[in-house]
Amino acid sequence: MSMTHVTATSAPSGALLLGQARFPGKLLEEQGHSVEAAWRQLIKQHGLADAARQVCGPFAVALTLEDGSVFMAVDRFAIQTLCYRAQGAEFRFAARADQLSQGGKASLDPQALFDYLYFHVIPSPRTVHTGVKRLPPAHYAHFKEGKLTVAPYWVPTFEPAARPLYNALREEFRSLLHQAVRRQLDGSRPACFLSGGTDSSSVAGLIGEVAGRPAATYSIGFDAQGYDEMAYARIAAKRYDTDHHEYYVTPEDLVASILKVAASYDQPFGNSSAVPAYHCALNAAGDGVTRLLAGDGGDELFGGNSRYATQRVFDWYQMVPKAVRSGLLEPFFSIGLVARTPGLKKGSNYIRQANTPLPHRGQEFNLLRRLGYADVLTPGMLKLVNPASVEMQQAAVWNSAHAADELDKHLAYDWRYTLAENDLPKVVGTTALAGVGVGFPFLDDDLLAFSMRLPVDYKLKGKHLRWFFKEALRGFLPDEIITKKKHGFGLPFGLWMQRHQGLRSLAAESLLSVSARGFIRPEFAKRLLDDYLPTAPQYYGSMIWVLMMLEQWLRAHAPDYRLQT
C-alpha cells in the first residue's frame, strides 16, 4: 500500500490533529492536501476502527463528526497522545491531561498516585487528574449521545514465518531500516541521539547513508565508574564519521533542572533518564538542531532486553516432565531446611518463580511491592486504593496480544509498558522541553510488521539477545558494539546523592514534604534515606528519585494537595 506522509499540528475548530500521519494511496491528494478531510473520508468509507487501522506513523486525531459525535484515535505506540473528560453529555479532549483538570484539592486520583509509585509512571487509561483519561496506544474512542466507547483498533498479531529465508529477510530488513530513517528526516540538519548501543549506532550510520552526509550525534556521559558508555559512542562516531558532540551531566545539572523537567509533564513522571535526555536535547538545540532521531524500540521489537533471556531460563523448567517436577523436584525443594540452605535455596527460588506465570513473575522485584505496601503507604492511602488493580491491568495487556510464544507476548507487553508508557514519553517530553522535535525510526509501521513475522529464535537464539538484528547488521555496525554486554545502569543518582550535599538536601527536603501530604509514611521516608540508601544506593535511590519527582511535580501543579481521607 502506497502511503503519503504529512505533518499536521492544527485544524479548524472541532478538530485536533497531531503528528505525522501517513494515509493510504492518494487519499491526501484527493482531499486537497487536507489531513482533516482525509480522516473524514476514511471514516465515511471504512468506519471508525478500520479508518484508524489504515493510517500509519505517529498521530493523534480528534474530530467532531457530522452527527455531532466525537471520534478520537492515537497511533500504535501513543507517540502522540490524547486525553479526554466525559461528563454527562459533555465531552472534552486535549493533548495534555492537565488541560482538562478541574483543579482543587480533590482533583488528584489516589489510585493514580499508587500506580505512579508502582510503575514510576501512570499508565493509560488512568491519569493523575480525577475524571481525566488518556487514550491507550492503538485505541480509538467514540462519544455519541452521552455514551463513550473505547476499544483497540489494532492488536499485536505475531505470525512467524514457518520456513524463514535468512538472506531474503536480511535484505528486506536493511531496506526497511533505510526507509524508516528516510521517513523521519525532514530536510533539516540530520541528527540523532547516540548512546553507543546497537540501536542509536544503527540510526547514526543509516542517517549517513540515507541523507548523503554524516549525522550530527549527541551523547551523554556520567563521571561515575560503571555508568559511562561514552567509549562506545565514540567508536560509532568514528565508524560513521559523525559530527560528534558530548556532554557530561553533573550533580549540579540535576539540582538545577529537576524541578523544570518534573513540572513540564502533565502528570508525575519518574523515569530518571528524563533529566539526562533533556540535557542531551538541550545541547543539540544549542547547535541549531531542530529534530533528533532516537533509537528507542529496537530492543522491544527484536528481543534485546536481558530480561527476555532470564525469563527463557524459567520457561525451560516447564520442559521437565511433569511427573519429575511434581513428584521429585518440588517436594524436595519445598522442605524447609532445603529452602533455607545456601545454594539449595536458589533451586527453591527458581522453582517458585518458574511456576509463577508471566507477567506476574516479572513483578517479583517491583520496588514498591518488595518494600511493602503497608510499610510505605499510610493507612488512609491504603483505604483508597486497590493494589491488585495493577496486576489486573498487566494481565489484560499480556493476554491481549495474539502470539503463540511467551517471548512474543513479552515483546508486545513491553511495547505498552516500556515504550508507550515510559521511554517514549521521556524522549518526547524532554525534547519538546528543549525545543527539539524527535523521530523514532524503529517504530516505523512497516518495520513493526516485519518484526512480527520474524521467528522467535531469530529474536532470542538460546540466550543470545536480538540474534537476527545483530547478524543482519554485522559489518555495518562496529564489532565492539555488536558484542558488548547489555548495560542498564542509567543515571547514577543514588551514588551522587551520597556524595553531593546539594542533591542530597534537595532529595531529603522533597521526601519530608511529600510525606507530609498524607499518603507516604514519614517514618518510611526517613528510613529510606538513613538506613536503606547506604546499603544499595542505586536500588533504593530509584525510590527516592520517584518520590522526589512526585513532590516537585506537586509543587508546580498542586502545591496545596493533601490526601483527602
Foldseek 3Di string as FASTA:
>chain_A
DDWDWDADQDDPPQKGKGFIKIAPDCLCVVQVNDPVSSLLVLCVVPNQLVSLVRIFGFMWMWGQDPVRKIKIATAQQCLFKKKWAADQLDIDMDSAQLVVAPDDQPQFALQQVVCCLQQVFRAFQDARGPRMGIQAGQWMWMADNRDIDIDHSDFAAFAADPDDDLVVLLVVLVVLLLVLLLSQDDPPQAEAEFQLAPQRLVSQQSCCVNVVHGHEYFYEAEPDPPGGPVVSSVVSCVLNVHNYDYDYDDPVLCLVCLLVLLQLHSHGHQDPLLSVLLVRLLVVVVVVAAEYEYRPDPCLLQFNDLVLLVLVVLLVVVVPPPCCVVVPQQVVLVPPVQCPDPPSVVSNVSPVLSPDDPPVSVSPVRPCVVCPQPQWWPPLSVVSYDPCVVVVVLVVQLVRHNDDDSSNSVSSSCSRSVRSGHDSCSNCSSSVSSNHHYHYSCVGPVNSVSSSHHDPCCQQVNSQHSNSSLVSCVVVRDPCNSPDDDDDQRDQLLVVLVVDVSSVVLLLVLLCVLCVQRTTPNVSSVCLVPPVCVVPRSSSVSSSSSSSSNSSNCVSSPVPHHDDD
